[in-house]
């Protein structure tokens, strides 16, 4: 797994309100577009700086397309990044703190030691 690439996806999408909406409405299209156009750009660098070796694994791609924050965490994605992005996408569909509590309940089955979230 490329924890870096998944975390980079979560980080960059969360910081762009248009991408948040696009990911909410068309997750498969957004993941494919992002991988094609932004995965190779180096974070916080000039657009001319590119790399070609990064791509999502099939498991990562599926978890991103399915908005599966539990699977993303199991694969090593940073939980803070999934939580902040998913709050931006789904909190509006729930009452106060409902989404956050549901997010936590979905991860109740996980116990220490948690997956390594270091990048």
PDB file of N, CA and C in Angstrom:
ATOM      1  N   UNK A   1       0.843  -1.189   0.000  1.00  0.00           N
ATOM      2  CA  UNK A   1       0.000   0.000   0.000  1.00  0.00           C
ATOM      3  C   UNK A   1       0.872   1.230   0.000  1.00  0.00           C
ATOM      4  N   UNK A   2       0.458   2.231  -0.724  1.00  0.00           N
ATOM      5  CA  UNK A   2       1.113   3.528  -0.668  1.00  0.00           C
ATOM      6  C   UNK A   2       0.330   4.418   0.287  1.00  0.00           C
ATOM      7  N   UNK A   3       0.674   4.321   1.566  1.00  0.00           N
ATOM      8  CA  UNK A   3      -0.018   5.166   2.545  1.00  0.00           C
ATOM      9  C   UNK A   3       0.144   6.633   2.170  1.00  0.00           C
ATOM     10  N   UNK A   4       1.321   6.966   1.639  1.00  0.00           N
ATOM     11  CA  UNK A   4       1.568   8.351   1.231  1.00  0.00           C
ATOM     12  C   UNK A   4       0.530   8.788   0.198  1.00  0.00           C
ATOM     13  N   UNK A   5       0.312   7.967  -0.818  1.00  0.00           N
ATOM     14  CA  UNK A   5      -0.594   8.373  -1.899  1.00  0.00           C
ATOM     15  C   UNK A   5      -2.038   8.479  -1.417  1.00  0.00           C
ATOM     16  N   UNK A   6      -2.483   7.530  -0.613  1.00  0.00           N
ATOM     17  CA  UNK A   6      -3.845   7.592  -0.083  1.00  0.00           C
ATOM     18  C   UNK A   6      -4.008   8.818   0.806  1.00  0.00           C
ATOM     19  N   UNK A   7      -3.042   9.036   1.705  1.00  0.00           N
ATOM     20  CA  UNK A   7      -3.116  10.215   2.577  1.00  0.00           C
ATOM     21  C   UNK A   7      -3.053  11.505   1.766  1.00  0.00           C
ATOM     22  N   UNK A   8      -2.260  11.517   0.706  1.00  0.00           N
ATOM     23  CA  UNK A   8      -2.177  12.695  -0.161  1.00  0.00           C
ATOM     24  C   UNK A   8      -3.532  12.946  -0.836  1.00  0.00           C
ATOM     25  N   UNK A   9      -4.183  11.892  -1.296  1.00  0.00           N
ATOM     26  CA  UNK A   9      -5.514  12.030  -1.890  1.00  0.00           C
ATOM     27  C   UNK A   9      -6.471  12.651  -0.878  1.00  0.00           C
ATOM     28  N   UNK A  10      -6.540  12.064   0.305  1.00  0.00           N
ATOM     29  CA  UNK A  10      -7.446  12.560   1.343  1.00  0.00           C
ATOM     30  C   UNK A  10      -7.146  14.017   1.680  1.00  0.00           C
ATOM     31  N   UNK A  11      -5.877  14.346   1.812  1.00  0.00           N
ATOM     32  CA  UNK A  11      -5.441  15.697   2.181  1.00  0.00           C
ATOM     33  C   UNK A  11      -5.802  16.712   1.092  1.00  0.00           C
ATOM     34  N   UNK A  12      -5.466  16.395  -0.148  1.00  0.00           N
ATOM     35  CA  UNK A  12      -5.696  17.377  -1.220  1.00  0.00           C
ATOM     36  C   UNK A  12      -7.179  17.545  -1.538  1.00  0.00           C
ATOM     37  N   UNK A  13      -7.944  16.474  -1.515  1.00  0.00           N
ATOM     38  CA  UNK A  13      -9.377  16.589  -1.786  1.00  0.00           C
ATOM     39  C   UNK A  13     -10.047  17.390  -0.680  1.00  0.00           C
ATOM     40  N   UNK A  14      -9.676  17.132   0.564  1.00  0.00           N
ATOM     41  CA  UNK A  14     -10.296  17.832   1.701  1.00  0.00           C
ATOM     42  C   UNK A  14     -10.068  19.338   1.656  1.00  0.00           C
ATOM     43  N   UNK A  15      -9.013  19.781   1.028  1.00  0.00           N
ATOM     44  CA  UNK A  15      -8.690  21.206   1.011  1.00  0.00           C
ATOM     45  C   UNK A  15      -9.284  21.956  -0.169  1.00  0.00           C
ATOM     46  N   UNK A  16     -10.055  21.283  -0.994  1.00  0.00           N
ATOM     47  CA  UNK A  16     -10.672  21.924  -2.156  1.00  0.00           C
ATOM     48  C   UNK A  16     -12.175  21.644  -2.132  1.00  0.00           C
ATOM     49  N   UNK A  17     -13.003  22.644  -1.773  1.00  0.00           N
ATOM     50  CA  UNK A  17     -14.450  22.410  -1.668  1.00  0.00           C
ATOM     51  C   UNK A  17     -15.079  21.826  -2.932  1.00  0.00           C
ATOM     52  N   UNK A  18     -14.582  22.194  -4.097  1.00  0.00           N
ATOM     53  CA  UNK A  18     -15.124  21.632  -5.336  1.00  0.00           C
ATOM     54  C   UNK A  18     -14.788  20.151  -5.461  1.00  0.00           C
ATOM     55  N   UNK A  19     -13.566  19.766  -5.062  1.00  0.00           N
ATOM     56  CA  UNK A  19     -13.197  18.351  -5.096  1.00  0.00           C
ATOM     57  C   UNK A  19     -13.965  17.545  -4.055  1.00  0.00           C
ATOM     58  N   UNK A  20     -14.245  18.155  -2.903  1.00  0.00           N
ATOM     59  CA  UNK A  20     -15.045  17.475  -1.881  1.00  0.00           C
ATOM     60  C   UNK A  20     -16.402  17.102  -2.472  1.00  0.00           C
ATOM     61  N   UNK A  21     -17.044  18.058  -3.133  1.00  0.00           N
ATOM     62  CA  UNK A  21     -18.356  17.795  -3.731  1.00  0.00           C
ATOM     63  C   UNK A  21     -18.268  16.781  -4.862  1.00  0.00           C
ATOM     64  N   UNK A  22     -17.226  16.912  -5.661  1.00  0.00           N
ATOM     65  CA  UNK A  22     -17.037  15.977  -6.765  1.00  0.00           C
ATOM     66  C   UNK A  22     -16.841  14.557  -6.236  1.00  0.00           C
ATOM     67  N   UNK A  23     -16.034  14.410  -5.180  1.00  0.00           N
ATOM     68  CA  UNK A  23     -15.794  13.095  -4.583  1.00  0.00           C
ATOM     69  C   UNK A  23     -17.064  12.533  -3.940  1.00  0.00           C
ATOM     70  N   UNK A  24     -17.854  13.387  -3.358  1.00  0.00           N
ATOM     71  CA  UNK A  24     -19.124  12.954  -2.748  1.00  0.00           C
ATOM     72  C   UNK A  24     -20.077  12.419  -3.813  1.00  0.00           C
ATOM     73  N   UNK A  25     -20.184  13.137  -4.928  1.00  0.00           N
ATOM     74  CA  UNK A  25     -21.159  12.798  -5.968  1.00  0.00           C
ATOM     75  C   UNK A  25     -20.665  11.738  -6.954  1.00  0.00           C
ATOM     76  N   UNK A  26     -19.364  11.734  -7.237  1.00  0.00           N
ATOM     77  CA  UNK A  26     -18.811  10.803  -8.232  1.00  0.00           C
ATOM     78  C   UNK A  26     -17.478  10.255  -7.730  1.00  0.00           C
ATOM     79  N   UNK A  27     -17.511   9.361  -6.751  1.00  0.00           N
ATOM     80  CA  UNK A  27     -16.258   8.887  -6.180  1.00  0.00           C
ATOM     81  C   UNK A  27     -15.368   8.164  -7.189  1.00  0.00           C
ATOM     82  N   UNK A  28     -15.920   7.304  -8.018  1.00  0.00           N
ATOM     83  CA  UNK A  28     -15.093   6.565  -8.975  1.00  0.00           C
ATOM     84  C   UNK A  28     -14.431   7.508  -9.982  1.00  0.00           C
ATOM     85  N   UNK A  29     -15.219   8.431 -10.498  1.00  0.00           N
ATOM     86  CA  UNK A  29     -14.662   9.392 -11.454  1.00  0.00           C
ATOM     87  C   UNK A  29     -13.619  10.294 -10.825  1.00  0.00           C
ATOM     88  N   UNK A  30     -13.853  10.706  -9.584  1.00  0.00           N
ATOM     89  CA  UNK A  30     -12.909  11.588  -8.905  1.00  0.00           C
ATOM     90  C   UNK A  30     -11.605  10.872  -8.604  1.00  0.00           C
ATOM     91  N   UNK A  31     -11.690   9.643  -8.123  1.00  0.00           N
ATOM     92  CA  UNK A  31     -10.475   8.881  -7.826  1.00  0.00           C
ATOM     93  C   UNK A  31      -9.668   8.663  -9.096  1.00  0.00           C
ATOM     94  N   UNK A  32     -10.327   8.279 -10.185  1.00  0.00           N
ATOM     95  CA  UNK A  32      -9.624   8.063 -11.457  1.00  0.00           C
ATOM     96  C   UNK A  32      -9.005   9.358 -11.971  1.00  0.00           C
ATOM     97  N   UNK A  33      -9.769  10.442 -11.938  1.00  0.00           N
ATOM     98  CA  UNK A  33      -9.249  11.735 -12.399  1.00  0.00           C
ATOM     99  C   UNK A  33      -8.065  12.177 -11.546  1.00  0.00           C
ATOM    100  N   UNK A  34      -8.203  12.072 -10.232  1.00  0.00           N
ATOM    101  CA  UNK A  34      -7.147  12.505  -9.324  1.00  0.00           C
ATOM    102  C   UNK A  34      -5.880  11.703  -9.560  1.00  0.00           C
ATOM    103  N   UNK A  35      -6.021  10.385  -9.716  1.00  0.00           N
ATOM    104  CA  UNK A  35      -4.837   9.557  -9.929  1.00  0.00           C
ATOM    105  C   UNK A  35      -4.144   9.930 -11.236  1.00  0.00           C
ATOM    106  N   UNK A  36      -4.927  10.212 -12.260  1.00  0.00           N
ATOM    107  CA  UNK A  36      -4.345  10.555 -13.555  1.00  0.00           C
ATOM    108  C   UNK A  36      -3.681  11.932 -13.546  1.00  0.00           C
ATOM    109  N   UNK A  37      -4.303  12.901 -12.873  1.00  0.00           N
ATOM    110  CA  UNK A  37      -3.834  14.283 -12.983  1.00  0.00           C
ATOM    111  C   UNK A  37      -3.047  14.810 -11.790  1.00  0.00           C
ATOM    112  N   UNK A  38      -3.281  14.298 -10.598  1.00  0.00           N
ATOM    113  CA  UNK A  38      -2.640  14.875  -9.414  1.00  0.00           C
ATOM    114  C   UNK A  38      -1.732  13.927  -8.644  1.00  0.00           C
ATOM    115  N   UNK A  39      -1.875  12.635  -8.834  1.00  0.00           N
ATOM    116  CA  UNK A  39      -1.083  11.675  -8.051  1.00  0.00           C
ATOM    117  C   UNK A  39       0.413  11.878  -8.262  1.00  0.00           C
ATOM    118  N   UNK A  40       0.807  12.242  -9.459  1.00  0.00           N
ATOM    119  CA  UNK A  40       2.228  12.395  -9.753  1.00  0.00           C
ATOM    120  C   UNK A  40       2.831  13.719  -9.352  1.00  0.00           C
ATOM    121  N   UNK A  41       1.992  14.687  -9.012  1.00  0.00           N
ATOM    122  CA  UNK A  41       2.547  15.968  -8.601  1.00  0.00           C
ATOM    123  C   UNK A  41       3.058  15.857  -7.176  1.00  0.00           C
ATOM    124  N   UNK A  42       4.145  16.501  -6.915  1.00  0.00           N
ATOM    125  CA  UNK A  42       4.708  16.465  -5.578  1.00  0.00           C
ATOM    126  C   UNK A  42       3.987  17.474  -4.709  1.00  0.00           C
ATOM    127  N   UNK A  43       3.625  17.059  -3.517  1.00  0.00           N
ATOM    128  CA  UNK A  43       2.853  17.886  -2.599  1.00  0.00           C
ATOM    129  C   UNK A  43       3.601  19.171  -2.277  1.00  0.00           C
ATOM    130  N   UNK A  44       2.891  20.289  -2.400  1.00  0.00           N
ATOM    131  CA  UNK A  44       3.432  21.616  -2.091  1.00  0.00           C
ATOM    132  C   UNK A  44       4.635  21.996  -2.939  1.00  0.00           C
ATOM    133  N   UNK A  45       4.705  21.479  -4.153  1.00  0.00           N
ATOM    134  CA  UNK A  45       5.816  21.808  -5.048  1.00  0.00           C
ATOM    135  C   UNK A  45       5.269  22.401  -6.339  1.00  0.00           C
ATOM    136  N   UNK A  46       6.161  22.947  -7.117  1.00  0.00           N
ATOM    137  CA  UNK A  46       5.839  23.486  -8.428  1.00  0.00           C
ATOM    138  C   UNK A  46       5.263  22.379  -9.302  1.00  0.00           C
ATOM    139  N   UNK A  47       4.257  22.692 -10.111  1.00  0.00           N
ATOM    140  CA  UNK A  47       3.585  21.697 -10.943  1.00  0.00           C
ATOM    141  C   UNK A  47       4.549  20.968 -11.882  1.00  0.00           C
ATOM    142  N   UNK A  48       5.664  21.580 -12.228  1.00  0.00           N
ATOM    143  CA  UNK A  48       6.598  20.923 -13.127  1.00  0.00           C
ATOM    144  C   UNK A  48       7.279  19.732 -12.458  1.00  0.00           C
ATOM    145  N   UNK A  49       7.285  19.703 -11.137  1.00  0.00           N
ATOM    146  CA  UNK A  49       7.873  18.580 -10.409  1.00  0.00           C
ATOM    147  C   UNK A  49       6.881  17.430 -10.431  1.00  0.00           C
ATOM    148  N   UNK A  50       7.249  16.332 -11.040  1.00  0.00           N
ATOM    149  CA  UNK A  50       6.343  15.188 -11.200  1.00  0.00           C
ATOM    150  C   UNK A  50       7.060  13.886 -10.881  1.00  0.00           C
ATOM    151  N   UNK A  51       6.291  12.888 -10.515  1.00  0.00           N
ATOM    152  CA  UNK A  51       6.787  11.534 -10.377  1.00  0.00           C
ATOM    153  C   UNK A  51       5.811  10.617 -11.104  1.00  0.00           C
ATOM    154  N   UNK A  52       6.270   9.475 -11.563  1.00  0.00           N
ATOM    155  CA  UNK A  52       5.412   8.576 -12.336  1.00  0.00           C
ATOM    156  C   UNK A  52       5.213   7.220 -11.679  1.00  0.00           C
ATOM    157  N   UNK A  53       5.801   6.996 -10.538  1.00  0.00           N
ATOM    158  CA  UNK A  53       5.766   5.650  -9.963  1.00  0.00           C
ATOM    159  C   UNK A  53       4.605   5.405  -9.014  1.00  0.00           C
ATOM    160  N   UNK A  54       3.836   6.429  -8.654  1.00  0.00           N
ATOM    161  CA  UNK A  54       2.773   6.243  -7.680  1.00  0.00           C
ATOM    162  C   UNK A  54       1.450   5.855  -8.325  1.00  0.00           C
ATOM    163  N   UNK A  55       0.801   4.852  -7.746  1.00  0.00           N
ATOM    164  CA  UNK A  55      -0.562   4.513  -8.155  1.00  0.00           C
ATOM    165  C   UNK A  55      -1.228   3.768  -7.005  1.00  0.00           C
ATOM    166  N   UNK A  56      -2.555   3.818  -6.979  1.00  0.00           N
ATOM    167  CA  UNK A  56      -3.315   3.121  -5.950  1.00  0.00           C
ATOM    168  C   UNK A  56      -3.300   1.615  -6.218  1.00  0.00           C
ATOM    169  N   UNK A  57      -3.271   0.837  -5.147  1.00  0.00           N
ATOM    170  CA  UNK A  57      -3.467  -0.599  -5.286  1.00  0.00           C
ATOM    171  C   UNK A  57      -4.961  -0.830  -5.540  1.00  0.00           C
ATOM    172  N   UNK A  58      -5.339  -2.002  -6.016  1.00  0.00           N
ATOM    173  CA  UNK A  58      -6.768  -2.273  -6.202  1.00  0.00           C
ATOM    174  C   UNK A  58      -7.567  -2.123  -4.903  1.00  0.00           C
ATOM    175  N   UNK A  59      -6.990  -2.534  -3.768  1.00  0.00           N
ATOM    176  CA  UNK A  59      -7.681  -2.409  -2.479  1.00  0.00           C
ATOM    177  C   UNK A  59      -7.880  -0.947  -2.101  1.00  0.00           C
ATOM    178  N   UNK A  60      -6.859  -0.137  -2.305  1.00  0.00           N
ATOM    179  CA  UNK A  60      -6.965   1.296  -2.001  1.00  0.00           C
ATOM    180  C   UNK A  60      -8.013   1.949  -2.896  1.00  0.00           C
ATOM    181  N   UNK A  61      -7.929   1.643  -4.177  1.00  0.00           N
ATOM    182  CA  UNK A  61      -8.870   2.224  -5.132  1.00  0.00           C
ATOM    183  C   UNK A  61     -10.302   1.884  -4.748  1.00  0.00           C
ATOM    184  N   UNK A  62     -10.562   0.625  -4.448  1.00  0.00           N
ATOM    185  CA  UNK A  62     -11.909   0.192  -4.071  1.00  0.00           C
ATOM    186  C   UNK A  62     -12.377   0.900  -2.799  1.00  0.00           C
ATOM    187  N   UNK A  63     -11.512   0.982  -1.783  1.00  0.00           N
ATOM    188  CA  UNK A  63     -11.893   1.638  -0.526  1.00  0.00           C
ATOM    189  C   UNK A  63     -12.182   3.117  -0.744  1.00  0.00           C
ATOM    190  N   UNK A  64     -11.392   3.788  -1.584  1.00  0.00           N
ATOM    191  CA  UNK A  64     -11.645   5.200  -1.874  1.00  0.00           C
ATOM    192  C   UNK A  64     -12.959   5.377  -2.631  1.00  0.00           C
ATOM    193  N   UNK A  65     -13.203   4.537  -3.618  1.00  0.00           N
ATOM    194  CA  UNK A  65     -14.432   4.637  -4.412  1.00  0.00           C
ATOM    195  C   UNK A  65     -15.654   4.349  -3.548  1.00  0.00           C
ATOM    196  N   UNK A  66     -15.530   3.416  -2.615  1.00  0.00           N
ATOM    197  CA  UNK A  66     -16.664   3.047  -1.769  1.00  0.00           C
ATOM    198  C   UNK A  66     -16.792   3.917  -0.521  1.00  0.00           C
ATOM    199  N   UNK A  67     -15.935   4.931  -0.394  1.00  0.00           N
ATOM    200  CA  UNK A  67     -15.928   5.792   0.803  1.00  0.00           C
ATOM    201  C   UNK A  67     -15.830   4.933   2.071  1.00  0.00           C
ATOM    202  N   UNK A  68     -15.007   3.912   2.037  1.00  0.00           N
ATOM    203  CA  UNK A  68     -14.895   2.956   3.131  1.00  0.00           C
ATOM    204  C   UNK A  68     -13.782   3.376   4.096  1.00  0.00           C
ATOM    205  N   UNK A  69     -14.136   4.248   5.053  1.00  0.00           N
ATOM    206  CA  UNK A  69     -13.113   4.762   5.963  1.00  0.00           C
ATOM    207  C   UNK A  69     -12.535   3.677   6.863  1.00  0.00           C
ATOM    208  N   UNK A  70     -13.295   2.655   7.172  1.00  0.00           N
ATOM    209  CA  UNK A  70     -12.771   1.570   8.006  1.00  0.00           C
ATOM    210  C   UNK A  70     -11.682   0.816   7.246  1.00  0.00           C
ATOM    211  N   UNK A  71     -11.960   0.467   6.008  1.00  0.00           N
ATOM    212  CA  UNK A  71     -10.963  -0.248   5.204  1.00  0.00           C
ATOM    213  C   UNK A  71      -9.742   0.628   4.959  1.00  0.00           C
ATOM    214  N   UNK A  72      -9.956   1.908   4.705  1.00  0.00           N
ATOM    215  CA  UNK A  72      -8.816   2.810   4.513  1.00  0.00           C
ATOM    216  C   UNK A  72      -7.926   2.810   5.755  1.00  0.00           C
ATOM    217  N   UNK A  73      -8.522   2.862   6.946  1.00  0.00           N
ATOM    218  CA  UNK A  73      -7.752   2.817   8.185  1.00  0.00           C
ATOM    219  C   UNK A  73      -7.027   1.484   8.315  1.00  0.00           C
ATOM    220  N   UNK A  74      -7.706   0.394   8.006  1.00  0.00           N
ATOM    221  CA  UNK A  74      -7.066  -0.920   8.069  1.00  0.00           C
ATOM    222  C   UNK A  74      -5.880  -1.008   7.116  1.00  0.00           C
ATOM    223  N   UNK A  75      -5.950  -0.280   6.008  1.00  0.00           N
ATOM    224  CA  UNK A  75      -4.850  -0.256   5.046  1.00  0.00           C
ATOM    225  C   UNK A  75      -3.741   0.711   5.450  1.00  0.00           C
ATOM    226  N   UNK A  76      -3.972   1.513   6.492  1.00  0.00           N
ATOM    227  CA  UNK A  76      -2.933   2.407   6.993  1.00  0.00           C
ATOM    228  C   UNK A  76      -3.159   3.884   6.757  1.00  0.00           C
ATOM    229  N   UNK A  77      -4.315   4.257   6.186  1.00  0.00           N
ATOM    230  CA  UNK A  77      -4.606   5.683   5.987  1.00  0.00           C
ATOM    231  C   UNK A  77      -4.746   6.356   7.346  1.00  0.00           C
ATOM    232  N   UNK A  78      -4.333   7.597   7.418  1.00  0.00           N
ATOM    233  CA  UNK A  78      -4.407   8.317   8.687  1.00  0.00           C
ATOM    234  C   UNK A  78      -5.867   8.620   9.029  1.00  0.00           C
ATOM    235  N   UNK A  79      -6.329   8.233  10.220  1.00  0.00           N
ATOM    236  CA  UNK A  79      -7.747   8.417  10.564  1.00  0.00           C
ATOM    237  C   UNK A  79      -8.174   9.881  10.631  1.00  0.00           C
ATOM    238  N   UNK A  80      -7.274  10.783  10.976  1.00  0.00           N
ATOM    239  CA  UNK A  80      -7.634  12.199  11.010  1.00  0.00           C
ATOM    240  C   UNK A  80      -7.975  12.698   9.606  1.00  0.00           C
ATOM    241  N   UNK A  81      -7.225  12.238   8.604  1.00  0.00           N
ATOM    242  CA  UNK A  81      -7.487  12.669   7.236  1.00  0.00           C
ATOM    243  C   UNK A  81      -8.818  12.129   6.720  1.00  0.00           C
ATOM    244  N   UNK A  82      -9.129  10.866   7.019  1.00  0.00           N
ATOM    245  CA  UNK A  82     -10.426  10.342   6.584  1.00  0.00           C
ATOM    246  C   UNK A  82     -11.553  11.028   7.334  1.00  0.00           C
ATOM    247  N   UNK A  83     -11.383  11.236   8.629  1.00  0.00           N
ATOM    248  CA  UNK A  83     -12.446  11.864   9.412  1.00  0.00           C
ATOM    249  C   UNK A  83     -12.754  13.271   8.921  1.00  0.00           C
ATOM    250  N   UNK A  84     -11.741  14.100   8.708  1.00  0.00           N
ATOM    251  CA  UNK A  84     -12.019  15.480   8.299  1.00  0.00           C
ATOM    252  C   UNK A  84     -12.649  15.542   6.911  1.00  0.00           C
ATOM    253  N   UNK A  85     -12.179  14.717   5.988  1.00  0.00           N
ATOM    254  CA  UNK A  85     -12.774  14.711   4.652  1.00  0.00           C
ATOM    255  C   UNK A  85     -14.199  14.171   4.691  1.00  0.00           C
ATOM    256  N   UNK A  86     -14.411  13.089   5.400  1.00  0.00           N
ATOM    257  CA  UNK A  86     -15.733  12.488   5.424  1.00  0.00           C
ATOM    258  C   UNK A  86     -16.733  13.353   6.187  1.00  0.00           C
ATOM    259  N   UNK A  87     -16.281  14.092   7.178  1.00  0.00           N
ATOM    260  CA  UNK A  87     -17.156  15.063   7.833  1.00  0.00           C
ATOM    261  C   UNK A  87     -17.603  16.109   6.809  1.00  0.00           C
ATOM    262  N   UNK A  88     -16.653  16.602   6.013  1.00  0.00           N
ATOM    263  CA  UNK A  88     -16.992  17.602   4.990  1.00  0.00           C
ATOM    264  C   UNK A  88     -18.008  17.059   3.993  1.00  0.00           C
ATOM    265  N   UNK A  89     -17.938  15.763   3.713  1.00  0.00           N
ATOM    266  CA  UNK A  89     -18.848  15.189   2.725  1.00  0.00           C
ATOM    267  C   UNK A  89     -20.199  14.763   3.309  1.00  0.00           C
ATOM    268  N   UNK A  90     -20.214  14.239   4.530  1.00  0.00           N
ATOM    269  CA  UNK A  90     -21.411  13.561   5.013  1.00  0.00           C
ATOM    270  C   UNK A  90     -22.066  14.138   6.262  1.00  0.00           C
ATOM    271  N   UNK A  91     -21.403  15.033   6.966  1.00  0.00           N
ATOM    272  CA  UNK A  91     -21.988  15.568   8.195  1.00  0.00           C
ATOM    273  C   UNK A  91     -23.327  16.254   7.923  1.00  0.00           C
ATOM    274  N   UNK A  92     -23.450  16.891   6.778  1.00  0.00           N
ATOM    275  CA  UNK A  92     -24.678  17.632   6.449  1.00  0.00           C
ATOM    276  C   UNK A  92     -25.908  16.734   6.371  1.00  0.00           C
ATOM    277  N   UNK A  93     -25.690  15.433   6.197  1.00  0.00           N
ATOM    278  CA  UNK A  93     -26.802  14.488   6.091  1.00  0.00           C
ATOM    279  C   UNK A  93     -27.266  13.974   7.449  1.00  0.00           C
ATOM    280  N   UNK A  94     -26.644  14.458   8.527  1.00  0.00           N
ATOM    281  CA  UNK A  94     -26.902  13.938   9.872  1.00  0.00           C
ATOM    282  C   UNK A  94     -27.080  15.081  10.854  1.00  0.00           C
ATOM    283  N   UNK A  95     -27.584  14.765  12.036  1.00  0.00           N
ATOM    284  CA  UNK A  95     -27.707  15.748  13.103  1.00  0.00           C
ATOM    285  C   UNK A  95     -26.348  16.018  13.742  1.00  0.00           C
ATOM    286  N   UNK A  96     -26.318  16.907  14.729  1.00  0.00           N
ATOM    287  CA  UNK A  96     -25.059  17.261  15.389  1.00  0.00           C
ATOM    288  C   UNK A  96     -24.342  16.021  15.943  1.00  0.00           C
ATOM    289  N   UNK A  97     -23.114  15.857  15.548  1.00  0.00           N
ATOM    290  CA  UNK A  97     -22.219  14.767  15.955  1.00  0.00           C
ATOM    291  C   UNK A  97     -22.678  13.368  15.560  1.00  0.00           C
ATOM    292  N   UNK A  98     -23.807  13.233  14.884  1.00  0.00           N
ATOM    293  CA  UNK A  98     -24.277  11.903  14.467  1.00  0.00           C
ATOM    294  C   UNK A  98     -23.272  11.209  13.573  1.00  0.00           C
ATOM    295  N   UNK A  99     -22.741  11.941  12.591  1.00  0.00           N
ATOM    296  CA  UNK A  99     -21.809  11.301  11.663  1.00  0.00           C
ATOM    297  C   UNK A  99     -20.537  10.873  12.389  1.00  0.00           C
ATOM    298  N   UNK A 100     -19.997  11.743  13.229  1.00  0.00           N
ATOM    299  CA  UNK A 100     -18.770  11.415  13.943  1.00  0.00           C
ATOM    300  C   UNK A 100     -18.960  10.175  14.814  1.00  0.00           C
ATOM    301  N   UNK A 101     -20.112  10.075  15.479  1.00  0.00           N
ATOM    302  CA  UNK A 101     -20.384   8.911  16.327  1.00  0.00           C
ATOM    303  C   UNK A 101     -20.542   7.642  15.483  1.00  0.00           C
ATOM    304  N   UNK A 102     -21.192   7.753  14.330  1.00  0.00           N
ATOM    305  CA  UNK A 102     -21.329   6.603  13.439  1.00  0.00           C
ATOM    306  C   UNK A 102     -19.967   6.182  12.892  1.00  0.00           C
ATOM    307  N   UNK A 103     -19.129   7.154  12.565  1.00  0.00           N
ATOM    308  CA  UNK A 103     -17.762   6.886  12.102  1.00  0.00           C
ATOM    309  C   UNK A 103     -17.017   6.075  13.158  1.00  0.00           C
ATOM    310  N   UNK A 104     -17.102   6.507  14.409  1.00  0.00           N
ATOM    311  CA  UNK A 104     -16.416   5.815  15.505  1.00  0.00           C
ATOM    312  C   UNK A 104     -16.993   4.416  15.729  1.00  0.00           C
ATOM    313  N   UNK A 105     -18.319   4.287  15.689  1.00  0.00           N
ATOM    314  CA  UNK A 105     -18.946   2.973  15.895  1.00  0.00           C
ATOM    315  C   UNK A 105     -18.507   1.974  14.823  1.00  0.00           C
ATOM    316  N   UNK A 106     -18.339   2.458  13.598  1.00  0.00           N
ATOM    317  CA  UNK A 106     -17.919   1.576  12.509  1.00  0.00           C
ATOM    318  C   UNK A 106     -16.522   1.020  12.742  1.00  0.00           C
ATOM    319  N   UNK A 107     -15.749   1.683  13.601  1.00  0.00           N
ATOM    320  CA  UNK A 107     -14.381   1.237  13.876  1.00  0.00           C
ATOM    321  C   UNK A 107     -14.248   0.589  15.256  1.00  0.00           C
ATOM    322  N   UNK A 108     -15.370   0.350  15.919  1.00  0.00           N
ATOM    323  CA  UNK A 108     -15.354  -0.258  17.256  1.00  0.00           C
ATOM    324  C   UNK A 108     -14.653  -1.607  17.308  1.00  0.00           C
ATOM    325  N   UNK A 109     -14.719  -2.352  16.225  1.00  0.00           N
ATOM    326  CA  UNK A 109     -14.135  -3.699  16.225  1.00  0.00           C
ATOM    327  C   UNK A 109     -12.611  -3.690  16.192  1.00  0.00           C
ATOM    328  N   UNK A 110     -12.015  -2.536  15.925  1.00  0.00           N
ATOM    329  CA  UNK A 110     -10.556  -2.443  15.857  1.00  0.00           C
ATOM    330  C   UNK A 110      -9.970  -2.273  17.253  1.00  0.00           C
ATOM    331  N   UNK A 111      -8.909  -2.983  17.513  1.00  0.00           N
ATOM    332  CA  UNK A 111      -8.269  -2.940  18.822  1.00  0.00           C
ATOM    333  C   UNK A 111      -6.772  -2.747  18.652  1.00  0.00           C
ATOM    334  N   UNK A 112      -6.127  -2.292  19.710  1.00  0.00           N
ATOM    335  CA  UNK A 112      -4.682  -2.129  19.683  1.00  0.00           C
ATOM    336  C   UNK A 112      -4.014  -3.480  19.441  1.00  0.00           C
ATOM    337  N   UNK A 113      -2.924  -3.538  18.760  1.00  0.00           N
ATOM    338  CA  UNK A 113      -2.275  -2.394  18.118  1.00  0.00           C
ATOM    339  C   UNK A 113      -2.983  -2.038  16.807  1.00  0.00           C
ATOM    340  N   UNK A 114      -3.213  -0.758  16.623  1.00  0.00           N
ATOM    341  CA  UNK A 114      -3.828  -0.286  15.399  1.00  0.00           C
ATOM    342  C   UNK A 114      -2.842  -0.407  14.246  1.00  0.00           C
ATOM    343  N   UNK A 115      -3.351  -0.332  13.020  1.00  0.00           N
ATOM    344  CA  UNK A 115      -2.429  -0.329  11.875  1.00  0.00           C
ATOM    345  C   UNK A 115      -1.473   0.858  11.976  1.00  0.00           C
ATOM    346  N   UNK A 116      -0.298   0.679  11.453  1.00  0.00           N
ATOM    347  CA  UNK A 116       0.715   1.737  11.441  1.00  0.00           C
ATOM    348  C   UNK A 116       0.255   2.851  10.517  1.00  0.00           C
ATOM    349  N   UNK A 117       0.120   4.063  11.047  1.00  0.00           N
ATOM    350  CA  UNK A 117      -0.327   5.201  10.221  1.00  0.00           C
ATOM    351  C   UNK A 117       0.827   6.139   9.890  1.00  0.00           C
ATOM    352  N   UNK A 118       2.058   5.733  10.200  1.00  0.00           N
ATOM    353  CA  UNK A 118       3.211   6.551   9.846  1.00  0.00           C
ATOM    354  C   UNK A 118       3.398   6.544   8.333  1.00  0.00           C
ATOM    355  N   UNK A 119       3.782   7.688   7.792  1.00  0.00           N
ATOM    356  CA  UNK A 119       4.029   7.724   6.355  1.00  0.00           C
ATOM    357  C   UNK A 119       5.504   7.854   6.081  1.00  0.00           C
TER     358      UNK A 119
END
